[in-house]
Amino acid sequence: MNRLAVVALGGNALLKSGQKGTISEQEANIFEACEDVADLLDQGYNLVIGHGNGPQVGNVMLQHEAGFKVFDIPKQPMDICVAETQGSIGYMIEQQMRNVLFERGIKKNIITIITQVIVDENDPAFKNPTKPVGPYYTQEEIDHMEDQGWEFQEDPRGRGFRRVVASPKPKEISNWEIVEKLAREGNIVITVGGGGIPAFHKKNGKLEGIDAVIDKDLASSKLATSIKADAFFILTDIPYVYINFNTSKQEKLHFVNVEEMKKHLEDKQFTEGSMAPKVRAGIEFVENGGKETVITDARLLKKENAGTRISLK
């Protein structure tokens, strides 16, 4: 029986820094990412793919702002923007993965599922926004957006400032049972896009969307635990997780146990809104029954034991 892997694709891997976000740019990026992810099929994995939407959902929100200002088109709330990007990015991943499999002579069904993720409306994250969305701005540009009421944080790599929004912890992934069944039957499933559409249960039990962007790595980790995946791959734009990042004492982490990673988190070695949630997601998966979390660049998936690999021991 094939092993089961959940793969979390970063939003910035789909839309690279400095690009405008044209369809041709995104399709080329996604085709390249799918070529790398498809290598896991050769390693005997069935696949569930989650993906980020940080750049894309920010752009959609800007489009709504522009439509409101120019044409008085009603702005849509953030959960609807997340749903829009789930559909559009899921469509592109599904199409490009089909193209990759076609080139390799592989026949598989690929299914994109629009996924709600349940959060707590009283999650403290709503009072402390940390999740970056949208493009990078200069200080001058954000000075001209004071009327928006948005919050910004400076990028640790010096690329500018990004808007930050609330990122509550995922409590439950809708339809995870269906996802597991489909994946174990050999179908490739694309789900929890952008961390999932944030929703909560009202006191009467009914569901309602809420303004937030759930971290896609934490949502993918929750899903990986629910479906009892064997491995969890978090794909980013660097080959390893580092401590003392961007300093003369920078050191890559290769094989790391959970306790070591927790210590690095306590020492604030990882930036919130960037590597810290990836590390937390990796730890959560392993502590809840997963065998291994791998954090790496997608191009290294072909190499045995590449990337930062988190396990219990």
Foldseek 3Di string as FASTA:
>chain_A
DFFEEEEEAEQCLQPPAPDPDDPVSNLVSLLVLLLLVCVVVVVRYQYEYAYACQAPLQVVQVVLVVCCVPPVDHRDFSLVSQLVCLVVVLVSNQVSNVVSCVVVVHDAAEEEDAKAFEFDPPACLQVPFFAFHHHFDAPVVVVVVVVVVFDWDADPVRPHITTTHRATATDDIPPLVVVLVRRVVRHYYYYCYQPHRYWYQDPVRDIDGDHDGHHRLRSSLRSCLVSVGQEYEYADAAFEDWFPPPDPPIDGAQEEELVVLVVCVVVVRDDGNPCNVNSVSQSSNQVSRHAKYFYGHSVCSNPPSTYHIYHND
